[in-house]
Protein backbone atom coordinates (compact mmCIF):
# COMPACT_ATOMS: atom_id res chain seq x y z
CA MET A 1 19.99 41.20 -37.95
CA ILE A 2 17.56 39.70 -35.46
CA THR A 3 16.53 42.23 -32.85
CA LEU A 4 15.72 41.59 -29.20
CA ALA A 5 12.11 42.52 -29.94
CA ALA A 6 11.95 39.85 -32.65
CA ILE A 7 13.34 37.27 -30.25
CA ALA A 8 10.77 38.27 -27.63
CA ALA A 9 7.95 38.05 -30.20
CA GLY A 10 9.16 34.65 -31.38
CA PHE A 11 9.38 33.34 -27.83
CA CYS A 12 5.90 34.62 -27.06
CA LEU A 13 4.44 33.08 -30.21
CA PHE A 14 6.18 29.72 -29.73
CA THR A 15 5.20 29.26 -26.09
CA THR A 16 1.63 30.33 -26.78
CA MET A 17 1.34 27.82 -29.62
CA VAL A 18 2.74 25.02 -27.41
CA HIS A 19 0.21 26.01 -24.74
CA LEU A 20 -2.72 25.86 -27.17
CA VAL A 21 -1.61 22.56 -28.71
CA SER A 22 -1.27 20.99 -25.25
CA LEU A 23 -4.80 22.10 -24.38
CA ALA A 24 -6.14 20.66 -27.65
CA VAL A 25 -4.48 17.29 -26.96
CA VAL A 26 -5.99 17.04 -23.50
CA SER A 27 -9.43 18.23 -24.58
CA VAL A 28 -9.63 15.21 -26.89
CA ARG A 29 -8.44 12.76 -24.22
CA CYS A 30 -10.53 14.13 -21.36
CA ARG A 31 -13.78 15.19 -22.98
CA GLU A 32 -16.68 14.45 -20.65
CA ARG A 33 -18.17 10.98 -21.11
CA PRO A 34 -21.52 10.60 -19.33
CA ASP A 35 -21.95 6.87 -19.97
CA ARG A 36 -20.94 4.55 -17.14
CA LEU A 37 -18.67 1.67 -18.16
CA ALA A 38 -20.01 -1.80 -17.41
CA ALA A 39 -17.73 -4.53 -16.12
CA SER A 40 -16.91 -7.09 -18.81
CA ALA A 41 -17.79 -10.75 -18.45
CA GLY A 42 -15.05 -12.60 -16.62
CA ALA A 43 -13.54 -9.42 -15.16
CA PRO A 44 -10.59 -10.43 -12.95
CA PRO A 45 -10.79 -9.97 -9.17
CA VAL A 46 -9.06 -6.88 -7.82
CA THR A 47 -7.58 -5.82 -4.48
CA ILE A 48 -7.92 -2.12 -3.64
CA ILE A 49 -5.38 -0.91 -1.08
CA ARG A 50 -6.25 2.42 0.57
CA PRO A 51 -3.74 3.84 3.08
CA VAL A 52 -5.47 6.17 5.56
CA CYS A 53 -3.98 8.70 7.95
CA ARG A 54 -5.94 11.35 9.84
CA ILE A 55 -9.22 12.83 8.63
CA ASP A 56 -9.17 15.01 5.53
CA ASN A 57 -12.04 17.05 4.10
CA PHE A 58 -14.76 14.76 2.70
CA GLU A 59 -12.97 11.74 4.21
CA ARG A 60 -16.10 9.73 4.93
CA GLU A 61 -17.50 10.38 1.44
CA THR A 62 -14.31 9.40 -0.39
CA LEU A 63 -13.82 6.23 1.67
CA ALA A 64 -17.50 5.29 1.35
CA SER A 65 -17.18 5.47 -2.44
CA THR A 66 -14.92 2.39 -2.26
CA PHE A 67 -17.91 0.32 -1.13
CA ALA A 68 -20.20 1.49 -3.96
CA LEU A 69 -18.22 0.25 -6.95
CA ASP A 70 -20.08 -1.46 -9.77
CA TYR A 71 -17.53 -4.26 -10.09
CA PRO A 72 -18.28 -7.96 -9.55
CA ASP A 73 -15.28 -9.13 -7.54
CA TYR A 74 -13.07 -6.89 -5.43
CA GLU A 75 -11.76 -6.63 -1.90
CA ILE A 76 -10.73 -3.53 0.05
CA VAL A 77 -7.67 -3.41 2.30
CA PHE A 78 -7.46 -0.28 4.41
CA CYS A 79 -4.11 0.42 6.08
CA VAL A 80 -3.55 2.66 9.10
CA ALA A 81 -0.41 3.06 11.19
CA ARG A 82 -2.05 3.62 14.58
CA ALA A 83 -5.23 2.13 16.07
CA ASP A 84 -6.04 5.45 17.76
CA ASP A 85 -5.99 7.41 14.49
CA PRO A 86 -9.46 9.06 14.25
CA VAL A 87 -9.90 7.82 10.68
CA ALA A 88 -9.95 4.21 11.92
CA ALA A 89 -13.38 4.78 13.49
CA ILE A 90 -14.77 5.94 10.14
CA VAL A 91 -13.41 2.84 8.40
CA HIS A 92 -14.96 0.53 11.03
CA GLU A 93 -18.32 2.26 10.62
CA LEU A 94 -18.24 1.92 6.84
CA MET A 95 -17.33 -1.76 7.00
CA ALA A 96 -20.24 -2.36 9.39
CA GLU A 97 -22.61 -0.51 7.03
CA HIS A 98 -21.49 -2.61 4.01
CA PRO A 99 -21.14 -6.21 5.24
CA GLY A 100 -21.52 -7.56 1.72
CA VAL A 101 -18.25 -5.98 0.52
CA PRO A 102 -15.08 -7.86 1.57
CA ALA A 103 -13.03 -5.30 3.50
CA ARG A 104 -10.35 -5.28 6.17
CA LEU A 105 -8.55 -2.66 8.21
CA LEU A 106 -4.91 -3.52 8.90
CA VAL A 107 -3.30 -1.66 11.78
CA GLY A 108 0.38 -1.18 12.50
CA GLU A 109 3.48 0.61 11.33
CA ASP A 110 5.79 -1.82 9.60
CA ARG A 111 8.96 0.27 9.80
CA ARG A 112 10.96 -1.37 7.07
CA SER A 113 11.80 1.99 5.49
CA SER A 114 12.02 5.67 6.39
CA ASN A 115 8.99 6.47 4.21
CA PRO A 116 5.86 6.47 6.44
CA LYS A 117 3.45 6.00 3.52
CA LEU A 118 5.40 3.01 2.24
CA ASN A 119 5.50 1.52 5.74
CA ASN A 120 1.73 1.87 5.94
CA VAL A 121 1.11 0.24 2.56
CA LEU A 122 3.46 -2.75 2.92
CA LYS A 123 1.11 -4.75 5.14
CA GLY A 124 -1.70 -4.23 2.64
CA TRP A 125 0.50 -5.45 -0.19
CA ASP A 126 1.43 -8.59 1.77
CA ALA A 127 -2.25 -9.26 2.60
CA ALA A 128 -3.67 -8.68 -0.91
CA ARG A 129 -5.39 -11.80 -2.23
CA HIS A 130 -5.54 -10.92 -5.91
CA ARG A 131 -3.10 -10.56 -8.77
CA TRP A 132 -4.54 -7.21 -9.89
CA ILE A 133 -3.93 -4.47 -7.33
CA ILE A 134 -5.04 -0.85 -7.13
CA MET A 135 -3.39 1.57 -4.73
CA ALA A 136 -5.53 4.65 -4.11
CA ASP A 137 -5.11 7.57 -1.72
CA SER A 138 -7.90 8.10 0.78
CA ASN A 139 -8.94 11.48 -0.68
CA VAL A 140 -9.80 10.09 -4.13
CA LEU A 141 -13.54 9.95 -4.85
CA MET A 142 -14.21 6.73 -6.75
CA PRO A 143 -17.06 6.69 -9.31
CA PRO A 144 -19.03 3.42 -9.64
CA ASP A 145 -17.03 2.44 -12.75
CA TYR A 146 -13.68 3.31 -11.15
CA VAL A 147 -12.10 -0.12 -11.74
CA GLN A 148 -13.44 -0.37 -15.28
CA ARG A 149 -11.93 2.99 -16.23
CA LEU A 150 -8.52 1.86 -15.02
CA MET A 151 -8.79 -1.59 -16.66
CA ARG A 152 -9.93 -0.07 -19.95
CA ARG A 153 -6.54 1.57 -20.46
CA TRP A 154 -4.53 -1.63 -19.98
CA ARG A 155 -2.62 -2.68 -23.10
CA ARG A 156 -0.14 -5.41 -23.94
CA ASP A 157 2.74 -3.01 -23.34
CA THR A 158 1.29 -1.60 -20.10
CA GLY A 159 3.02 -1.86 -16.76
CA LEU A 160 0.87 0.63 -14.87
CA VAL A 161 -2.36 2.58 -15.34
CA CYS A 162 -2.89 5.64 -13.18
CA SER A 163 -4.96 8.77 -12.75
CA MET A 164 -3.97 12.19 -11.55
CA PRO A 165 -6.37 13.94 -9.14
CA ILE A 166 -8.85 16.47 -10.50
CA GLY A 167 -9.67 19.08 -7.86
CA SER A 168 -13.34 19.81 -7.18
CA ARG A 169 -15.59 21.53 -4.66
CA PRO A 170 -13.12 24.19 -3.49
CA GLY A 171 -14.34 25.99 -0.37
CA ASN A 172 -12.27 29.17 -0.71
CA PHE A 173 -9.89 30.97 -3.07
CA TRP A 174 -6.81 29.00 -2.00
CA ALA A 175 -8.59 25.74 -2.78
CA SER A 176 -9.45 27.22 -6.18
CA LEU A 177 -5.73 27.91 -6.61
CA GLU A 178 -5.08 24.24 -5.91
CA CYS A 179 -7.67 23.37 -8.58
CA ALA A 180 -5.80 25.62 -10.99
CA PHE A 181 -2.60 23.71 -10.31
CA LEU A 182 -4.11 20.22 -10.37
CA ASN A 183 -6.50 20.39 -13.30
CA THR A 184 -5.69 22.44 -16.36
CA PHE A 185 -1.98 22.70 -15.49
CA GLU A 186 -0.47 19.54 -13.95
CA ALA A 187 -2.99 17.07 -15.35
CA ARG A 188 -2.63 18.69 -18.77
CA TRP A 189 1.13 18.34 -18.90
CA GLN A 190 0.95 14.76 -17.65
CA TYR A 191 -1.35 13.88 -20.55
CA VAL A 192 0.95 15.64 -22.99
CA GLY A 193 3.89 13.65 -21.61
CA GLU A 194 2.02 10.37 -22.10
CA THR A 195 1.06 11.37 -25.65
CA LEU A 196 4.76 11.96 -26.42
CA GLY A 197 5.73 8.58 -24.94
CA PHE A 198 6.97 9.89 -21.58
CA GLY A 199 4.16 8.67 -19.36
CA PHE A 200 4.95 8.71 -15.65
CA ALA A 201 3.09 7.43 -12.62
CA GLN A 202 0.86 9.52 -10.36
CA GLY A 203 0.42 8.03 -6.92
CA LYS A 204 -3.23 9.00 -6.35
CA SER A 205 -4.67 5.98 -8.22
CA MET A 206 -2.49 3.21 -9.63
CA LEU A 207 -3.46 -0.14 -11.17
CA PHE A 208 -0.80 -2.76 -11.74
CA GLU A 209 -0.28 -6.48 -12.09
CA ARG A 210 1.52 -7.95 -9.09
CA GLY A 211 4.01 -9.95 -11.13
CA VAL A 212 5.63 -6.79 -12.55
CA VAL A 213 6.52 -5.62 -9.02
CA ASP A 214 7.52 -9.07 -7.79
CA ARG A 215 9.95 -9.49 -10.67
CA ALA A 216 11.59 -6.22 -9.57
CA GLY A 217 12.22 -7.61 -6.08
CA GLY A 218 8.96 -6.74 -4.34
CA LEU A 219 7.23 -3.58 -3.25
CA LEU A 220 9.80 -2.43 -0.69
CA ARG A 221 12.69 -2.68 -3.12
CA ALA A 222 10.67 -1.15 -5.97
CA LEU A 223 9.43 1.86 -4.04
CA GLY A 224 12.53 2.33 -1.92
CA SER A 225 14.60 3.44 -4.89
CA GLU A 226 13.12 6.96 -4.85
CA ALA A 227 11.76 9.49 -2.38
CA ALA A 228 8.31 9.35 -4.05
CA GLU A 229 6.47 6.12 -4.83
CA ASP A 230 5.16 7.41 -8.16
CA ALA A 231 8.69 8.21 -9.36
CA ALA A 232 9.88 4.77 -8.21
CA PHE A 233 7.04 3.07 -10.09
CA THR A 234 7.86 5.10 -13.20
CA ARG A 235 11.46 3.90 -13.16
CA LEU A 236 10.38 0.33 -12.45
CA ILE A 237 7.96 0.26 -15.38
CA HIS A 238 10.38 1.87 -17.82
CA GLU A 239 13.22 -0.48 -16.82
CA ALA A 240 10.90 -3.42 -17.50
CA GLY A 241 10.36 -2.12 -21.04
CA LEU A 242 6.71 -1.30 -20.34
CA ARG A 243 4.67 1.91 -20.42
CA VAL A 244 2.61 3.99 -18.05
CA HIS A 245 -0.88 4.83 -19.33
CA LEU A 246 -3.44 7.32 -17.99
CA VAL A 247 -7.19 6.92 -17.67
CA ASP A 248 -9.23 8.85 -20.20
CA THR A 249 -11.34 10.57 -17.54
CA PRO A 250 -9.35 11.18 -14.33
CA PHE A 251 -10.89 10.90 -10.89
CA GLU A 252 -12.11 13.61 -8.59
CA GLN A 253 -10.51 14.87 -5.38
CA PRO A 254 -12.93 17.12 -3.44
CA LEU A 255 -10.94 19.81 -1.68
CA GLY A 256 -13.02 21.91 0.72
CA CYS A 257 -11.08 24.80 2.26
CA ARG A 258 -7.32 25.25 1.98
CA THR A 259 -4.79 27.77 3.28
CA PHE A 260 -2.14 29.30 1.09
CA ALA A 261 0.52 27.58 3.22
CA GLU A 262 -1.04 24.18 2.52
CA VAL A 263 -1.20 24.76 -1.23
CA TRP A 264 2.30 26.22 -1.39
CA GLY A 265 3.80 23.45 0.75
CA ARG A 266 2.25 20.71 -1.38
CA GLN A 267 3.30 22.28 -4.67
CA ARG A 268 6.81 22.94 -3.34
CA ARG A 269 7.11 19.31 -2.22
CA TRP A 270 6.03 18.03 -5.61
CA ALA A 271 8.43 20.42 -7.38
CA THR A 272 11.30 19.19 -5.20
CA LEU A 273 10.49 15.56 -5.95
CA ARG A 274 10.16 16.15 -9.70
CA ARG A 275 13.49 17.95 -9.79
CA THR A 276 15.20 15.22 -7.77
CA THR A 277 13.91 12.29 -9.81
CA PHE A 278 13.61 13.75 -13.34
CA PRO A 279 15.79 16.91 -13.49
CA LEU A 280 15.92 17.13 -17.29
CA MET A 281 12.13 17.07 -17.51
CA PHE A 282 11.82 19.52 -14.64
CA ALA A 283 14.19 22.10 -16.14
CA PRO A 284 11.78 23.53 -18.79
CA GLU A 285 8.87 23.79 -16.32
CA ILE A 286 9.71 27.44 -15.70
CA LEU A 287 8.44 28.18 -19.22
CA THR A 288 5.07 26.43 -18.82
CA GLY A 289 3.24 29.36 -17.21
CA ALA A 290 1.99 32.55 -18.84
CA LEU A 291 4.23 35.02 -16.97
CA PHE A 292 7.28 35.06 -19.26
CA PRO A 293 5.32 34.87 -22.54
CA ILE A 294 3.18 37.84 -21.44
CA LEU A 295 6.26 39.83 -20.40
CA ALA A 296 7.85 39.02 -23.75
CA GLY A 297 4.67 40.05 -25.54
CA ILE A 298 4.61 43.37 -23.69
CA TYR A 299 8.22 44.08 -24.66
CA ALA A 300 7.65 43.15 -28.31
CA ALA A 301 4.50 45.26 -28.52
CA ARG A 302 6.23 48.27 -26.98
CA ALA A 303 9.25 47.94 -29.28
CA ASP A 304 7.01 47.77 -32.37
CA GLY A 305 4.81 50.65 -31.27
CA HIS A 306 1.70 48.52 -30.63
CA SER A 307 -0.68 48.70 -27.69
CA GLU A 308 0.70 46.90 -24.65
CA THR A 309 -2.78 46.66 -23.15
CA LEU A 310 -4.11 45.00 -26.28
CA ALA A 311 -1.20 42.54 -26.28
CA VAL A 312 -1.82 41.59 -22.63
CA GLY A 313 -5.56 41.22 -23.22
CA LEU A 314 -5.07 39.00 -26.26
CA LEU A 315 -2.52 36.78 -24.52
CA CYS A 316 -4.73 36.42 -21.42
CA VAL A 317 -7.61 35.28 -23.64
CA LEU A 318 -5.37 32.77 -25.43
CA TRP A 319 -3.82 31.41 -22.25
CA PHE A 320 -6.56 31.50 -19.64
CA GLY A 321 -9.62 31.52 -21.88
CA ALA A 322 -8.36 28.38 -23.60
CA GLU A 323 -7.91 26.73 -20.21
CA ALA A 324 -11.51 27.55 -19.37
CA LEU A 325 -12.63 25.85 -22.59
CA LEU A 326 -10.64 22.73 -21.71
CA ALA A 327 -12.20 22.60 -18.24
CA ARG A 328 -15.67 23.06 -19.72
CA SER A 329 -15.19 20.22 -22.24
CA ALA A 330 -13.82 17.89 -19.55
CA GLY A 331 -16.46 18.77 -16.96
CA TRP A 332 -13.92 20.15 -14.48
CA HIS A 333 -14.53 22.92 -11.97
CA PHE A 334 -13.94 26.31 -13.60
CA PRO A 335 -16.27 29.17 -12.60
CA ALA A 336 -15.28 32.73 -13.56
CA ARG A 337 -13.23 33.27 -10.40
CA MET A 338 -10.93 30.45 -11.51
CA LEU A 339 -9.42 32.88 -14.03
CA LEU A 340 -7.85 34.83 -11.15
CA ALA A 341 -6.62 31.58 -9.60
CA CYS A 342 -4.90 30.71 -12.89
CA VAL A 343 -3.22 34.13 -13.00
CA VAL A 344 -1.92 33.69 -9.43
CA ARG A 345 -0.77 30.16 -10.23
CA ASP A 346 1.28 31.23 -13.24
CA ALA A 347 2.83 34.04 -11.20
CA LEU A 348 3.96 31.41 -8.68
CA VAL A 349 5.39 28.94 -11.21
CA PRO A 350 8.87 30.58 -11.43
CA ALA A 351 9.15 30.75 -7.62
CA LEU A 352 8.20 27.07 -7.32
CA TRP A 353 10.77 26.21 -9.98
CA VAL A 354 13.52 27.99 -8.02
CA GLU A 355 12.39 26.33 -4.78
CA GLY A 356 12.52 22.97 -6.54
CA TRP A 357 16.21 23.46 -7.32
CA LEU A 358 17.21 24.92 -3.95
CA ARG A 359 15.34 22.69 -1.49
CA HIS A 360 15.81 19.03 -0.62
CA GLU A 361 13.86 18.71 2.63
CA PHE A 362 10.07 18.68 2.82
CA ASN A 363 7.33 17.80 5.28
CA TRP A 364 4.77 15.09 4.58
CA ARG A 365 1.96 14.79 7.16
CA GLY A 366 4.26 15.86 9.98
CA ASN A 367 7.22 13.73 8.84
CA GLU A 368 10.43 15.48 7.83
CA MET A 369 11.87 13.87 4.70
CA ASP A 370 14.82 14.46 2.37
CA SER A 371 14.46 13.97 -1.37
CA ARG A 372 18.15 12.99 -1.66
CA ARG A 373 17.73 9.91 0.52
CA PRO A 374 16.42 6.65 -0.95
CA HIS A 375 13.53 5.95 1.39
CA GLY A 376 13.80 2.22 1.10
CA ASP A 377 16.81 2.34 3.41
CA GLU A 378 16.09 0.39 6.53
CA VAL A 379 15.72 2.39 9.72
CA ASP A 380 15.97 1.52 13.37
CA ALA A 381 12.56 0.44 14.57
CA GLY A 382 13.38 1.25 18.18
């Protein structure tokens, strides 16, 4: 007869093995590659659309990186809703400093939907001159071979290439906690999903061919089907019989200082959106952290008369030490204090999972939104 202790031991062993295998998969995909990719002869022209809103940490640096790309033919289309937004002045300064790079700043809020980010991007989409389009958030730091890295992952069956953000330069512990969520946790599971054939979009950096979106009825119709643009793109690509691929070395998002409320609010919003759009994939997320495996290991050790302290120590090495090795091989931020951030993160995972099921409303840059409402619905512009 199987005892409760045996079940606990089996659960602990299984989840720990899944954890280690996932880390091994990502360490192969994301191992640090120092060589810069050169643009191939005849590389197609690209439009880079960057929606901007307010000034984030490192804003000037991340936007300036758009002008320093080692790519032969690209244009930049910045989009801002209001002319008096402080970030507009930074964009104007950068365009003046780099007159040799084709760049425009489009101003205005095209309120064709209730999603403010989508409204901001639509004018950029309409103005894009090229067939190949990249949409990138303003806080993404672009390396010189940014376009090449995205293009390199394009295959015959590809509908979208994207990159999740990799947190860097945290200014305090809460920013380190955000690194712990972004890097060896969320990025890891996204790579595992792609490896298993369940690739899904991440809205930070997305490369696509315009015809795929046009055949789906255009950007407004494509993105308006879901509360989050990355979820909408995922559905669009899958319905077209194509696949979402990830870059081999994801791009950096420098963080600076964060508050706990900022980190918690962002993670809660993302949990709500994942549960709304892909509930079956969201359901097992509660088991992805170390909390329940460690509790199960403690129970099994106690029942079998073994040292609970030894069991906890061994499991912490296997869970968090292995994450540190992944970060080291990928070149991601992971000093010793990140171990505490990972412990806090995994303690929060069950609470975020519960919040994801219970909440529908969330706040995005001062805008109250509801995950149950398709944000492509037209709204009164008055």
